[in-house]
Amino acid sequence: MGAKIKARDLRGKKKEELLKQLEDLKVELSQLRVAKVTGGAASKLSKIRVVRKSIARVLTVINQTQKENLRKFYKGKKYKPLDLRPKKTRAMRRRLNKHEENLKTKKQQRKERLYPLRKYAVKA
């Protein structure tokens, strides 16, 4: 493979291409590991790190695009998978939403209607 792979180049590729590239990188890594055991050149040993990081980049791009597609699919749906919902804190997730907080009972509505807030003007 050679040169270091950049994530921005990977984002334009299709999933099949990414999987193919991942497979190639894994094969290359296994060859480099064999070279390490058999006492290969120093250049091959230093390449192991680059290939490992490249594999990580490819996997990251695959996972990110997958998650992005799932977000698009579930946008506007009533139920979403737990990992797509906002994390927040446990207490915040259990809290009433804005609409539920603002709801008032019939009695409370009646009381507010009959006794509105009075405004006073102070005579100077």
PDB file of N, CA and C in Angstrom:
ATOM      1  N   MET A   1       0.847  -1.182   0.000  1.00  0.00           N
ATOM      2  CA  MET A   1       0.000   0.000   0.000  1.00  0.00           C
ATOM      3  C   MET A   1       0.888   1.240   0.000  1.00  0.00           C
ATOM      4  N   GLY A   2       1.759   1.349   0.983  1.00  0.00           N
ATOM      5  CA  GLY A   2       2.698   2.465   0.971  1.00  0.00           C
ATOM      6  C   GLY A   2       2.272   3.626   1.831  1.00  0.00           C
ATOM      7  N   ALA A   3       1.910   4.740   1.176  1.00  0.00           N
ATOM      8  CA  ALA A   3       1.651   6.008   1.877  1.00  0.00           C
ATOM      9  C   ALA A   3       0.509   5.902   2.885  1.00  0.00           C
ATOM     10  N   LYS A   4       0.545   6.846   3.835  1.00  0.00           N
ATOM     11  CA  LYS A   4      -0.479   6.895   4.883  1.00  0.00           C
ATOM     12  C   LYS A   4      -1.826   7.273   4.278  1.00  0.00           C
ATOM     13  N   ILE A   5      -2.867   6.609   4.737  1.00  0.00           N
ATOM     14  CA  ILE A   5      -4.218   6.858   4.223  1.00  0.00           C
ATOM     15  C   ILE A   5      -4.832   8.027   4.977  1.00  0.00           C
ATOM     16  N   LYS A   6      -5.500   8.905   4.242  1.00  0.00           N
ATOM     17  CA  LYS A   6      -6.162  10.050   4.872  1.00  0.00           C
ATOM     18  C   LYS A   6      -7.664   9.793   4.939  1.00  0.00           C
ATOM     19  N   ALA A   7      -8.274  10.174   6.051  1.00  0.00           N
ATOM     20  CA  ALA A   7      -9.707   9.928   6.267  1.00  0.00           C
ATOM     21  C   ALA A   7     -10.560  10.659   5.233  1.00  0.00           C
ATOM     22  N   ARG A   8     -10.131  11.855   4.834  1.00  0.00           N
ATOM     23  CA  ARG A   8     -10.943  12.624   3.871  1.00  0.00           C
ATOM     24  C   ARG A   8     -11.033  11.921   2.514  1.00  0.00           C
ATOM     25  N   ASP A   9      -9.979  11.165   2.159  1.00  0.00           N
ATOM     26  CA  ASP A   9     -10.011  10.401   0.902  1.00  0.00           C
ATOM     27  C   ASP A   9     -10.962   9.212   1.023  1.00  0.00           C
ATOM     28  N   LEU A  10     -11.041   8.652   2.228  1.00  0.00           N
ATOM     29  CA  LEU A  10     -11.881   7.471   2.454  1.00  0.00           C
ATOM     30  C   LEU A  10     -13.369   7.814   2.431  1.00  0.00           C
ATOM     31  N   ARG A  11     -13.713   9.027   2.884  1.00  0.00           N
ATOM     32  CA  ARG A  11     -15.133   9.392   3.017  1.00  0.00           C
ATOM     33  C   ARG A  11     -15.888   9.380   1.691  1.00  0.00           C
ATOM     34  N   GLY A  12     -15.193   9.617   0.599  1.00  0.00           N
ATOM     35  CA  GLY A  12     -15.848   9.625  -0.712  1.00  0.00           C
ATOM     36  C   GLY A  12     -16.113   8.232  -1.275  1.00  0.00           C
ATOM     37  N   LYS A  13     -15.456   7.230  -0.726  1.00  0.00           N
ATOM     38  CA  LYS A  13     -15.566   5.871  -1.273  1.00  0.00           C
ATOM     39  C   LYS A  13     -16.827   5.153  -0.811  1.00  0.00           C
ATOM     40  N   LYS A  14     -17.207   4.137  -1.592  1.00  0.00           N
ATOM     41  CA  LYS A  14     -18.367   3.308  -1.238  1.00  0.00           C
ATOM     42  C   LYS A  14     -17.947   2.266  -0.203  1.00  0.00           C
ATOM     43  N   LYS A  15     -18.951   1.677   0.445  1.00  0.00           N
ATOM     44  CA  LYS A  15     -18.676   0.716   1.521  1.00  0.00           C
ATOM     45  C   LYS A  15     -17.890  -0.497   1.008  1.00  0.00           C
ATOM     46  N   GLU A  16     -18.232  -0.975  -0.199  1.00  0.00           N
ATOM     47  CA  GLU A  16     -17.543  -2.150  -0.757  1.00  0.00           C
ATOM     48  C   GLU A  16     -16.052  -1.854  -0.942  1.00  0.00           C
ATOM     49  N   GLU A  17     -15.763  -0.644  -1.465  1.00  0.00           N
ATOM     50  CA  GLU A  17     -14.365  -0.249  -1.673  1.00  0.00           C
ATOM     51  C   GLU A  17     -13.618  -0.190  -0.338  1.00  0.00           C
ATOM     52  N   LEU A  18     -14.289   0.357   0.669  1.00  0.00           N
ATOM     53  CA  LEU A  18     -13.670   0.465   1.992  1.00  0.00           C
ATOM     54  C   LEU A  18     -13.378  -0.920   2.573  1.00  0.00           C
ATOM     55  N   LEU A  19     -14.339  -1.838   2.411  1.00  0.00           N
ATOM     56  CA  LEU A  19     -14.142  -3.198   2.926  1.00  0.00           C
ATOM     57  C   LEU A  19     -12.990  -3.896   2.202  1.00  0.00           C
ATOM     58  N   LYS A  20     -12.894  -3.654   0.891  1.00  0.00           N
ATOM     59  CA  LYS A  20     -11.808  -4.231   0.090  1.00  0.00           C
ATOM     60  C   LYS A  20     -10.462  -3.692   0.591  1.00  0.00           C
ATOM     61  N   GLN A  21     -10.419  -2.377   0.798  1.00  0.00           N
ATOM     62  CA  GLN A  21      -9.192  -1.741   1.281  1.00  0.00           C
ATOM     63  C   GLN A  21      -8.814  -2.267   2.670  1.00  0.00           C
ATOM     64  N   LEU A  22      -9.819  -2.450   3.507  1.00  0.00           N
ATOM     65  CA  LEU A  22      -9.599  -2.977   4.855  1.00  0.00           C
ATOM     66  C   LEU A  22      -8.975  -4.373   4.784  1.00  0.00           C
ATOM     67  N   GLU A  23      -9.527  -5.187   3.896  1.00  0.00           N
ATOM     68  CA  GLU A  23      -9.020  -6.551   3.707  1.00  0.00           C
ATOM     69  C   GLU A  23      -7.552  -6.514   3.269  1.00  0.00           C
ATOM     70  N   ASP A  24      -7.244  -5.633   2.299  1.00  0.00           N
ATOM     71  CA  ASP A  24      -5.861  -5.499   1.808  1.00  0.00           C
ATOM     72  C   ASP A  24      -4.911  -5.085   2.935  1.00  0.00           C
ATOM     73  N   LEU A  25      -5.363  -4.128   3.735  1.00  0.00           N
ATOM     74  CA  LEU A  25      -4.532  -3.642   4.844  1.00  0.00           C
ATOM     75  C   LEU A  25      -4.280  -4.748   5.866  1.00  0.00           C
ATOM     76  N   LYS A  26      -5.306  -5.547   6.129  1.00  0.00           N
ATOM     77  CA  LYS A  26      -5.154  -6.638   7.102  1.00  0.00           C
ATOM     78  C   LYS A  26      -4.171  -7.694   6.593  1.00  0.00           C
ATOM     79  N   VAL A  27      -4.253  -7.966   5.286  1.00  0.00           N
ATOM     80  CA  VAL A  27      -3.317  -8.924   4.674  1.00  0.00           C
ATOM     81  C   VAL A  27      -1.891  -8.380   4.794  1.00  0.00           C
ATOM     82  N   GLU A  28      -1.744  -7.088   4.475  1.00  0.00           N
ATOM     83  CA  GLU A  28      -0.422  -6.454   4.551  1.00  0.00           C
ATOM     84  C   GLU A  28       0.129  -6.503   5.982  1.00  0.00           C
ATOM     85  N   LEU A  29      -0.748  -6.252   6.946  1.00  0.00           N
ATOM     86  CA  LEU A  29      -0.329  -6.276   8.351  1.00  0.00           C
ATOM     87  C   LEU A  29       0.156  -7.671   8.750  1.00  0.00           C
ATOM     88  N   SER A  30      -0.578  -8.691   8.310  1.00  0.00           N
ATOM     89  CA  SER A  30      -0.161 -10.064   8.650  1.00  0.00           C
ATOM     90  C   SER A  30       1.196 -10.390   8.018  1.00  0.00           C
ATOM     91  N   GLN A  31       1.426  -9.897   6.793  1.00  0.00           N
ATOM     92  CA  GLN A  31       2.723 -10.119   6.129  1.00  0.00           C
ATOM     93  C   GLN A  31       3.853  -9.410   6.887  1.00  0.00           C
ATOM     94  N   LEU A  32       3.542  -8.192   7.346  1.00  0.00           N
ATOM     95  CA  LEU A  32       4.544  -7.432   8.101  1.00  0.00           C
ATOM     96  C   LEU A  32       4.867  -8.121   9.427  1.00  0.00           C
ATOM     97  N   ARG A  33       3.857  -8.720  10.040  1.00  0.00           N
ATOM     98  CA  ARG A  33       4.078  -9.420  11.317  1.00  0.00           C
ATOM     99  C   ARG A  33       4.936 -10.671  11.110  1.00  0.00           C
ATOM    100  N   VAL A  34       4.721 -11.326   9.965  1.00  0.00           N
ATOM    101  CA  VAL A  34       5.555 -12.490   9.622  1.00  0.00           C
ATOM    102  C   VAL A  34       7.000 -12.028   9.442  1.00  0.00           C
ATOM    103  N   ALA A  35       7.159 -10.881   8.743  1.00  0.00           N
ATOM    104  CA  ALA A  35       8.499 -10.328   8.511  1.00  0.00           C
ATOM    105  C   ALA A  35       9.177  -9.977   9.837  1.00  0.00           C
ATOM    106  N   LYS A  36       8.378  -9.522  10.790  1.00  0.00           N
ATOM    107  CA  LYS A  36       8.903  -9.156  12.111  1.00  0.00           C
ATOM    108  C   LYS A  36       9.482 -10.388  12.812  1.00  0.00           C
ATOM    109  N   VAL A  37       8.743 -11.504  12.728  1.00  0.00           N
ATOM    110  CA  VAL A  37       9.177 -12.749  13.377  1.00  0.00           C
ATOM    111  C   VAL A  37      10.420 -13.310  12.691  1.00  0.00           C
ATOM    112  N   THR A  38      10.441 -13.237  11.357  1.00  0.00           N
ATOM    113  CA  THR A  38      11.564 -13.810  10.601  1.00  0.00           C
ATOM    114  C   THR A  38      12.763 -12.860  10.547  1.00  0.00           C
ATOM    115  N   GLY A  39      12.637 -11.708  11.213  1.00  0.00           N
ATOM    116  CA  GLY A  39      13.762 -10.762  11.260  1.00  0.00           C
ATOM    117  C   GLY A  39      13.861  -9.941   9.998  1.00  0.00           C
ATOM    118  N   GLY A  40      12.776  -9.268   9.641  1.00  0.00           N
ATOM    119  CA  GLY A  40      12.751  -8.442   8.428  1.00  0.00           C
ATOM    120  C   GLY A  40      13.470  -7.119   8.614  1.00  0.00           C
ATOM    121  N   ALA A  41      13.453  -6.325   7.556  1.00  0.00           N
ATOM    122  CA  ALA A  41      14.125  -5.025   7.559  1.00  0.00           C
ATOM    123  C   ALA A  41      13.436  -4.060   8.534  1.00  0.00           C
ATOM    124  N   ALA A  42      14.185  -3.072   8.974  1.00  0.00           N
ATOM    125  CA  ALA A  42      13.665  -2.081   9.928  1.00  0.00           C
ATOM    126  C   ALA A  42      12.531  -1.262   9.310  1.00  0.00           C
ATOM    127  N   SER A  43      12.609  -1.049   7.992  1.00  0.00           N
ATOM    128  CA  SER A  43      11.567  -0.268   7.304  1.00  0.00           C
ATOM    129  C   SER A  43      10.216  -0.986   7.395  1.00  0.00           C
ATOM    130  N   LYS A  44      10.269  -2.322   7.330  1.00  0.00           N
ATOM    131  CA  LYS A  44       9.020  -3.101   7.440  1.00  0.00           C
ATOM    132  C   LYS A  44       8.468  -3.043   8.858  1.00  0.00           C
ATOM    133  N   LEU A  45       9.350  -3.084   9.826  1.00  0.00           N
ATOM    134  CA  LEU A  45       8.919  -3.038  11.224  1.00  0.00           C
ATOM    135  C   LEU A  45       8.257  -1.703  11.553  1.00  0.00           C
ATOM    136  N   SER A  46       8.818  -0.626  11.024  1.00  0.00           N
ATOM    137  CA  SER A  46       8.245   0.701  11.296  1.00  0.00           C
ATOM    138  C   SER A  46       6.930   0.898  10.541  1.00  0.00           C
ATOM    139  N   LYS A  47       6.726   0.097   9.502  1.00  0.00           N
ATOM    140  CA  LYS A  47       5.498   0.212   8.703  1.00  0.00           C
ATOM    141  C   LYS A  47       4.291  -0.400   9.425  1.00  0.00           C
ATOM    142  N   ILE A  48       4.540  -1.301  10.380  1.00  0.00           N
ATOM    143  CA  ILE A  48       3.452  -1.966  11.116  1.00  0.00           C
ATOM    144  C   ILE A  48       2.529  -0.934  11.749  1.00  0.00           C
ATOM    145  N   ARG A  49       3.128   0.070  12.392  1.00  0.00           N
ATOM    146  CA  ARG A  49       2.339   1.107  13.073  1.00  0.00           C
ATOM    147  C   ARG A  49       1.459   1.865  12.075  1.00  0.00           C
ATOM    148  N   VAL A  50       2.036   2.231  10.935  1.00  0.00           N
ATOM    149  CA  VAL A  50       1.304   2.988   9.906  1.00  0.00           C
ATOM    150  C   VAL A  50       0.108   2.185   9.405  1.00  0.00           C
ATOM    151  N   VAL A  51       0.325   0.890   9.154  1.00  0.00           N
ATOM    152  CA  VAL A  51      -0.750   0.031   8.644  1.00  0.00           C
ATOM    153  C   VAL A  51      -1.846  -0.134   9.694  1.00  0.00           C
ATOM    154  N   ARG A  52      -1.449  -0.299  10.956  1.00  0.00           N
ATOM    155  CA  ARG A  52      -2.445  -0.424  12.034  1.00  0.00           C
ATOM    156  C   ARG A  52      -3.317   0.817  12.120  1.00  0.00           C
ATOM    157  N   LYS A  53      -2.679   1.976  12.040  1.00  0.00           N
ATOM    158  CA  LYS A  53      -3.430   3.235  12.115  1.00  0.00           C
ATOM    159  C   LYS A  53      -4.338   3.389  10.893  1.00  0.00           C
ATOM    160  N   SER A  54      -3.878   2.928   9.741  1.00  0.00           N
ATOM    161  CA  SER A  54      -4.691   2.997   8.522  1.00  0.00           C
ATOM    162  C   SER A  54      -5.933   2.125   8.652  1.00  0.00           C
ATOM    163  N   ILE A  55      -5.753   0.930   9.228  1.00  0.00           N
ATOM    164  CA  ILE A  55      -6.891   0.031   9.470  1.00  0.00           C
ATOM    165  C   ILE A  55      -7.891   0.728  10.384  1.00  0.00           C
ATOM    166  N   ALA A  56      -7.383   1.372  11.425  1.00  0.00           N
ATOM    167  CA  ALA A  56      -8.252   2.090  12.368  1.00  0.00           C
ATOM    168  C   ALA A  56      -9.024   3.196  11.654  1.00  0.00           C
ATOM    169  N   ARG A  57      -8.350   3.914  10.753  1.00  0.00           N
ATOM    170  CA  ARG A  57      -9.014   4.996  10.007  1.00  0.00           C
ATOM    171  C   ARG A  57     -10.144   4.456   9.143  1.00  0.00           C
ATOM    172  N   VAL A  58      -9.865   3.374   8.433  1.00  0.00           N
ATOM    173  CA  VAL A  58     -10.888   2.783   7.556  1.00  0.00           C
ATOM    174  C   VAL A  58     -12.093   2.343   8.383  1.00  0.00           C
ATOM    175  N   LEU A  59     -11.841   1.666   9.494  1.00  0.00           N
ATOM    176  CA  LEU A  59     -12.933   1.204  10.364  1.00  0.00           C
ATOM    177  C   LEU A  59     -13.723   2.379  10.933  1.00  0.00           C
ATOM    178  N   THR A  60     -13.016   3.443  11.298  1.00  0.00           N
ATOM    179  CA  THR A  60     -13.678   4.636  11.837  1.00  0.00           C
ATOM    180  C   THR A  60     -14.618   5.233  10.806  1.00  0.00           C
ATOM    181  N   VAL A  61     -14.140   5.371   9.575  1.00  0.00           N
ATOM    182  CA  VAL A  61     -14.972   5.949   8.506  1.00  0.00           C
ATOM    183  C   VAL A  61     -16.188   5.067   8.245  1.00  0.00           C
ATOM    184  N   ILE A  62     -15.988   3.745   8.208  1.00  0.00           N
ATOM    185  CA  ILE A  62     -17.106   2.814   7.986  1.00  0.00           C
ATOM    186  C   ILE A  62     -18.153   2.984   9.083  1.00  0.00           C
ATOM    187  N   ASN A  63     -17.699   2.988  10.346  1.00  0.00           N
ATOM    188  CA  ASN A  63     -18.630   3.096  11.476  1.00  0.00           C
ATOM    189  C   ASN A  63     -19.342   4.438  11.519  1.00  0.00           C
ATOM    190  N   GLN A  64     -18.619   5.507  11.204  1.00  0.00           N
ATOM    191  CA  GLN A  64     -19.232   6.841  11.224  1.00  0.00           C
ATOM    192  C   GLN A  64     -20.305   6.978  10.151  1.00  0.00           C
ATOM    193  N   THR A  65     -20.018   6.480   8.936  1.00  0.00           N
ATOM    194  CA  THR A  65     -21.009   6.584   7.856  1.00  0.00           C
ATOM    195  C   THR A  65     -22.231   5.729   8.179  1.00  0.00           C
ATOM    196  N   GLN A  66     -21.993   4.567   8.788  1.00  0.00           N
ATOM    197  CA  GLN A  66     -23.092   3.678   9.170  1.00  0.00           C
ATOM    198  C   GLN A  66     -24.009   4.369  10.184  1.00  0.00           C
ATOM    199  N   LYS A  67     -23.400   5.005  11.180  1.00  0.00           N
ATOM    200  CA  LYS A  67     -24.168   5.693  12.217  1.00  0.00           C
ATOM    201  C   LYS A  67     -24.923   6.889  11.627  1.00  0.00           C
ATOM    202  N   GLU A  68     -24.279   7.591  10.715  1.00  0.00           N
ATOM    203  CA  GLU A  68     -24.900   8.747  10.051  1.00  0.00           C
ATOM    204  C   GLU A  68     -26.137   8.315   9.265  1.00  0.00           C
ATOM    205  N   ASN A  69     -26.014   7.189   8.550  1.00  0.00           N
ATOM    206  CA  ASN A  69     -27.149   6.659   7.781  1.00  0.00           C
ATOM    207  C   ASN A  69     -28.292   6.242   8.698  1.00  0.00           C
ATOM    208  N   LEU A  70     -27.951   5.649   9.840  1.00  0.00           N
ATOM    209  CA  LEU A  70     -28.979   5.265  10.814  1.00  0.00           C
ATOM    210  C   LEU A  70     -29.698   6.495  11.356  1.00  0.00           C
ATOM    211  N   ARG A  71     -28.933   7.567  11.622  1.00  0.00           N
ATOM    212  CA  ARG A  71     -29.543   8.810  12.107  1.00  0.00           C
ATOM    213  C   ARG A  71     -30.534   9.357  11.085  1.00  0.00           C
ATOM    214  N   LYS A  72     -30.142   9.318   9.801  1.00  0.00           N
ATOM    215  CA  LYS A  72     -31.041   9.787   8.733  1.00  0.00           C
ATOM    216  C   LYS A  72     -32.305   8.937   8.688  1.00  0.00           C
ATOM    217  N   PHE A  73     -32.135   7.616   8.813  1.00  0.00           N
ATOM    218  CA  PHE A  73     -33.263   6.689   8.728  1.00  0.00           C
ATOM    219  C   PHE A  73     -34.267   6.925   9.852  1.00  0.00           C
ATOM    220  N   TYR A  74     -33.758   7.133  11.071  1.00  0.00           N
ATOM    221  CA  TYR A  74     -34.645   7.273  12.232  1.00  0.00           C
ATOM    222  C   TYR A  74     -35.105   8.704  12.490  1.00  0.00           C
ATOM    223  N   LYS A  75     -34.650   9.660  11.661  1.00  0.00           N
ATOM    224  CA  LYS A  75     -35.035  11.068  11.868  1.00  0.00           C
ATOM    225  C   LYS A  75     -36.541  11.218  11.715  1.00  0.00           C
ATOM    226  N   GLY A  76     -37.179  11.800  12.729  1.00  0.00           N
ATOM    227  CA  GLY A  76     -38.622  12.024  12.675  1.00  0.00           C
ATOM    228  C   GLY A  76     -39.463  10.832  13.107  1.00  0.00           C
ATOM    229  N   LYS A  77     -38.829   9.704  13.416  1.00  0.00           N
ATOM    230  CA  LYS A  77     -39.576   8.521  13.864  1.00  0.00           C
ATOM    231  C   LYS A  77     -39.880   8.656  15.358  1.00  0.00           C
ATOM    232  N   LYS A  78     -40.914   7.960  15.789  1.00  0.00           N
ATOM    233  CA  LYS A  78     -41.314   8.044  17.202  1.00  0.00           C
ATOM    234  C   LYS A  78     -40.279   7.393  18.121  1.00  0.00           C
ATOM    235  N   TYR A  79     -39.801   6.229  17.732  1.00  0.00           N
ATOM    236  CA  TYR A  79     -38.826   5.516  18.561  1.00  0.00           C
ATOM    237  C   TYR A  79     -37.483   5.442  17.851  1.00  0.00           C
ATOM    238  N   LYS A  80     -36.407   5.604  18.632  1.00  0.00           N
ATOM    239  CA  LYS A  80     -35.053   5.519  18.092  1.00  0.00           C
ATOM    240  C   LYS A  80     -34.266   4.520  18.923  1.00  0.00           C
ATOM    241  N   PRO A  81     -33.238   3.898  18.342  1.00  0.00           N
ATOM    242  CA  PRO A  81     -32.373   3.029  19.141  1.00  0.00           C
ATOM    243  C   PRO A  81     -31.708   3.851  20.255  1.00  0.00           C
ATOM    244  N   LEU A  82     -31.396   3.206  21.349  1.00  0.00           N
ATOM    245  CA  LEU A  82     -30.850   3.910  22.516  1.00  0.00           C
ATOM    246  C   LEU A  82     -29.579   4.689  22.198  1.00  0.00           C
ATOM    247  N   ASP A  83     -28.725   4.126  21.348  1.00  0.00           N
ATOM    248  CA  ASP A  83     -27.458   4.808  21.064  1.00  0.00           C
ATOM    249  C   ASP A  83     -27.624   6.039  20.173  1.00  0.00           C
ATOM    250  N   LEU A  84     -28.818   6.226  19.582  1.00  0.00           N
ATOM    251  CA  LEU A  84     -29.053   7.417  18.758  1.00  0.00           C
ATOM    252  C   LEU A  84     -29.785   8.511  19.532  1.00  0.00           C
ATOM    253  N   ARG A  85     -30.253   8.178  20.718  1.00  0.00           N
ATOM    254  CA  ARG A  85     -30.952   9.176  21.536  1.00  0.00           C
ATOM    255  C   ARG A  85     -29.927  10.050  22.257  1.00  0.00           C
ATOM    256  N   PRO A  86     -30.348  11.277  22.652  1.00  0.00           N
ATOM    257  CA  PRO A  86     -29.402  12.126  23.386  1.00  0.00           C
ATOM    258  C   PRO A  86     -29.042  11.496  24.732  1.00  0.00           C
ATOM    259  N   LYS A  87     -27.766  11.526  25.089  1.00  0.00           N
ATOM    260  CA  LYS A  87     -27.301  10.827  26.297  1.00  0.00           C
ATOM    261  C   LYS A  87     -27.721  11.560  27.569  1.00  0.00           C
ATOM    262  N   LYS A  88     -27.364  12.822  27.697  1.00  0.00           N
ATOM    263  CA  LYS A  88     -27.685  13.637  28.876  1.00  0.00           C
ATOM    264  C   LYS A  88     -27.307  12.903  30.164  1.00  0.00           C
ATOM    265  N   THR A  89     -28.122  13.060  31.220  1.00  0.00           N
ATOM    266  CA  THR A  89     -27.896  12.302  32.451  1.00  0.00           C
ATOM    267  C   THR A  89     -29.165  11.517  32.727  1.00  0.00           C
ATOM    268  N   ARG A  90     -29.084  10.568  33.622  1.00  0.00           N
ATOM    269  CA  ARG A  90     -30.232   9.707  33.910  1.00  0.00           C
ATOM    270  C   ARG A  90     -31.413  10.547  34.400  1.00  0.00           C
ATOM    271  N   ALA A  91     -31.123  11.502  35.279  1.00  0.00           N
ATOM    272  CA  ALA A  91     -32.173  12.359  35.831  1.00  0.00           C
ATOM    273  C   ALA A  91     -32.813  13.217  34.736  1.00  0.00           C
ATOM    274  N   MET A  92     -31.985  13.746  33.845  1.00  0.00           N
ATOM    275  CA  MET A  92     -32.504  14.596  32.761  1.00  0.00           C
ATOM    276  C   MET A  92     -33.388  13.794  31.811  1.00  0.00           C
ATOM    277  N   ARG A  93     -33.020  12.548  31.569  1.00  0.00           N
ATOM    278  CA  ARG A  93     -33.818  11.712  30.663  1.00  0.00           C
ATOM    279  C   ARG A  93     -35.183  11.397  31.256  1.00  0.00           C
ATOM    280  N   ARG A  94     -35.261  11.337  32.589  1.00  0.00           N
ATOM    281  CA  ARG A  94     -36.528  11.004  33.242  1.00  0.00           C
ATOM    282  C   ARG A  94     -37.415  12.220  33.488  1.00  0.00           C
ATOM    283  N   ARG A  95     -36.858  13.397  33.296  1.00  0.00           N
ATOM    284  CA  ARG A  95     -37.590  14.637  33.525  1.00  0.00           C
ATOM    285  C   ARG A  95     -38.741  14.793  32.534  1.00  0.00           C
ATOM    286  N   LEU A  96     -39.763  15.563  32.927  1.00  0.00           N
ATOM    287  CA  LEU A  96     -40.871  15.859  32.010  1.00  0.00           C
ATOM    288  C   LEU A  96     -40.349  16.727  30.874  1.00  0.00           C
ATOM    289  N   ASN A  97     -40.953  16.568  29.683  1.00  0.00           N
ATOM    290  CA  ASN A  97     -40.530  17.438  28.592  1.00  0.00           C
ATOM    291  C   ASN A  97     -41.208  18.806  28.725  1.00  0.00           C
ATOM    292  N   LYS A  98     -40.810  19.762  27.887  1.00  0.00           N
ATOM    293  CA  LYS A  98     -41.306  21.143  27.994  1.00  0.00           C
ATOM    294  C   LYS A  98     -42.831  21.196  27.961  1.00  0.00           C
ATOM    295  N   HIS A  99     -43.429  20.465  27.030  1.00  0.00           N
ATOM    296  CA  HIS A  99     -44.888  20.477  26.874  1.00  0.00           C
ATOM    297  C   HIS A  99     -45.574  19.973  28.143  1.00  0.00           C
ATOM    298  N   GLU A 100     -45.073  18.851  28.663  1.00  0.00           N
ATOM    299  CA  GLU A 100     -45.671  18.259  29.866  1.00  0.00           C
ATOM    300  C   GLU A 100     -45.520  19.179  31.084  1.00  0.00           C
ATOM    301  N   GLU A 101     -44.393  19.886  31.149  1.00  0.00           N
ATOM    302  CA  GLU A 101     -44.157  20.808  32.265  1.00  0.00           C
ATOM    303  C   GLU A 101     -45.159  21.959  32.258  1.00  0.00           C
ATOM    304  N   ASN A 102     -45.510  22.426  31.062  1.00  0.00           N
ATOM    305  CA  ASN A 102     -46.374  23.605  30.939  1.00  0.00           C
ATOM    306  C   ASN A 102     -47.865  23.288  31.031  1.00  0.00           C
ATOM    307  N   LEU A 103     -48.237  22.008  31.062  1.00  0.00           N
ATOM    308  CA  LEU A 103     -49.654  21.656  31.158  1.00  0.00           C
ATOM    309  C   LEU A 103     -50.223  22.091  32.506  1.00  0.00           C
ATOM    310  N   LYS A 104     -51.495  22.544  32.496  1.00  0.00           N
ATOM    311  CA  LYS A 104     -52.151  22.981  33.728  1.00  0.00           C
ATOM    312  C   LYS A 104     -53.476  22.255  33.881  1.00  0.00           C
ATOM    313  N   THR A 105     -53.881  22.036  35.127  1.00  0.00           N
ATOM    314  CA  THR A 105     -55.161  21.373  35.393  1.00  0.00           C
ATOM    315  C   THR A 105     -56.295  22.345  35.085  1.00  0.00           C
ATOM    316  N   LYS A 106     -57.488  21.796  34.912  1.00  0.00           N
ATOM    317  CA  LYS A 106     -58.669  22.637  34.635  1.00  0.00           C
ATOM    318  C   LYS A 106     -58.873  23.646  35.769  1.00  0.00           C
ATOM    319  N   LYS A 107     -58.693  23.175  37.005  1.00  0.00           N
ATOM    320  CA  LYS A 107     -58.890  24.026  38.179  1.00  0.00           C
ATOM    321  C   LYS A 107     -57.899  25.200  38.178  1.00  0.00           C
ATOM    322  N   GLN A 108     -56.659  24.885  37.839  1.00  0.00           N
ATOM    323  CA  GLN A 108     -55.623  25.921  37.799  1.00  0.00           C
ATOM    324  C   GLN A 108     -55.915  26.939  36.697  1.00  0.00           C
ATOM    325  N   GLN A 109     -56.370  26.449  35.539  1.00  0.00           N
ATOM    326  CA  GLN A 109     -56.714  27.342  34.424  1.00  0.00           C
ATOM    327  C   GLN A 109     -57.853  28.277  34.831  1.00  0.00           C
ATOM    328  N   ARG A 110     -58.849  27.710  35.505  1.00  0.00           N
ATOM    329  CA  ARG A 110     -60.013  28.486  35.934  1.00  0.00           C
ATOM    330  C   ARG A 110     -59.593  29.575  36.934  1.00  0.00           C
ATOM    331  N   LYS A 111     -58.753  29.192  37.881  1.00  0.00           N
ATOM    332  CA  LYS A 111     -58.280  30.124  38.901  1.00  0.00           C
ATOM    333  C   LYS A 111     -57.528  31.297  38.261  1.00  0.00           C
ATOM    334  N   GLU A 112     -56.681  30.973  37.297  1.00  0.00           N
ATOM    335  CA  GLU A 112     -55.900  32.013  36.618  1.00  0.00           C
ATOM    336  C   GLU A 112     -56.792  32.945  35.804  1.00  0.00           C
ATOM    337  N   ARG A 113     -57.847  32.368  35.241  1.00  0.00           N
ATOM    338  CA  ARG A 113     -58.771  33.173  34.436  1.00  0.00           C
ATOM    339  C   ARG A 113     -59.587  34.112  35.333  1.00  0.00           C
ATOM    340  N   LEU A 114     -60.039  33.610  36.480  1.00  0.00           N
ATOM    341  CA  LEU A 114     -60.874  34.405  37.385  1.00  0.00           C
ATOM    342  C   LEU A 114     -60.077  35.452  38.165  1.00  0.00           C
ATOM    343  N   TYR A 115     -58.837  35.121  38.490  1.00  0.00           N
ATOM    344  CA  TYR A 115     -58.022  36.061  39.261  1.00  0.00           C
ATOM    345  C   TYR A 115     -56.726  36.363  38.517  1.00  0.00           C
ATOM    346  N   PRO A 116     -56.802  37.195  37.485  1.00  0.00           N
ATOM    347  CA  PRO A 116     -55.583  37.497  36.726  1.00  0.00           C
ATOM    348  C   PRO A 116     -54.608  38.328  37.563  1.00  0.00           C
ATOM    349  N   LEU A 117     -53.360  38.380  37.122  1.00  0.00           N
ATOM    350  CA  LEU A 117     -52.330  39.130  37.817  1.00  0.00           C
ATOM    351  C   LEU A 117     -52.683  40.615  37.786  1.00  0.00           C
ATOM    352  N   ARG A 118     -52.698  41.245  38.951  1.00  0.00           N
ATOM    353  CA  ARG A 118     -53.069  42.663  39.014  1.00  0.00           C
ATOM    354  C   ARG A 118     -51.826  43.530  38.948  1.00  0.00           C
ATOM    355  N   LYS A 119     -51.963  44.616  38.192  1.00  0.00           N
ATOM    356  CA  LYS A 119     -50.844  45.545  38.060  1.00  0.00           C
ATOM    357  C   LYS A 119     -51.173  46.805  38.845  1.00  0.00           C
ATOM    358  N   TYR A 120     -50.209  47.240  39.628  1.00  0.00           N
ATOM    359  CA  TYR A 120     -50.406  48.449  40.429  1.00  0.00           C
ATOM    360  C   TYR A 120     -49.447  49.529  39.964  1.00  0.00           C
ATOM    361  N   ALA A 121     -49.940  50.771  39.981  1.00  0.00           N
ATOM    362  CA  ALA A 121     -49.083  51.911  39.650  1.00  0.00           C
ATOM    363  C   ALA A 121     -48.893  52.729  40.916  1.00  0.00           C
ATOM    364  N   VAL A 122     -47.664  53.060  41.212  1.00  0.00           N
ATOM    365  CA  VAL A 122     -47.381  53.845  42.410  1.00  0.00           C
ATOM    366  C   VAL A 122     -47.445  55.322  42.042  1.00  0.00           C
ATOM    367  N   LYS A 123     -48.262  56.062  42.790  1.00  0.00           N
ATOM    368  CA  LYS A 123     -48.422  57.493  42.518  1.00  0.00           C
ATOM    369  C   LYS A 123     -47.242  58.240  43.140  1.00  0.00           C
ATOM    370  N   ALA A 124     -46.532  58.979  42.315  1.00  0.00           N
ATOM    371  CA  ALA A 124     -45.338  59.670  42.805  1.00  0.00           C
ATOM    372  C   ALA A 124     -45.664  61.051  43.331  1.00  0.00           C
TER     373      ALA A 124
END
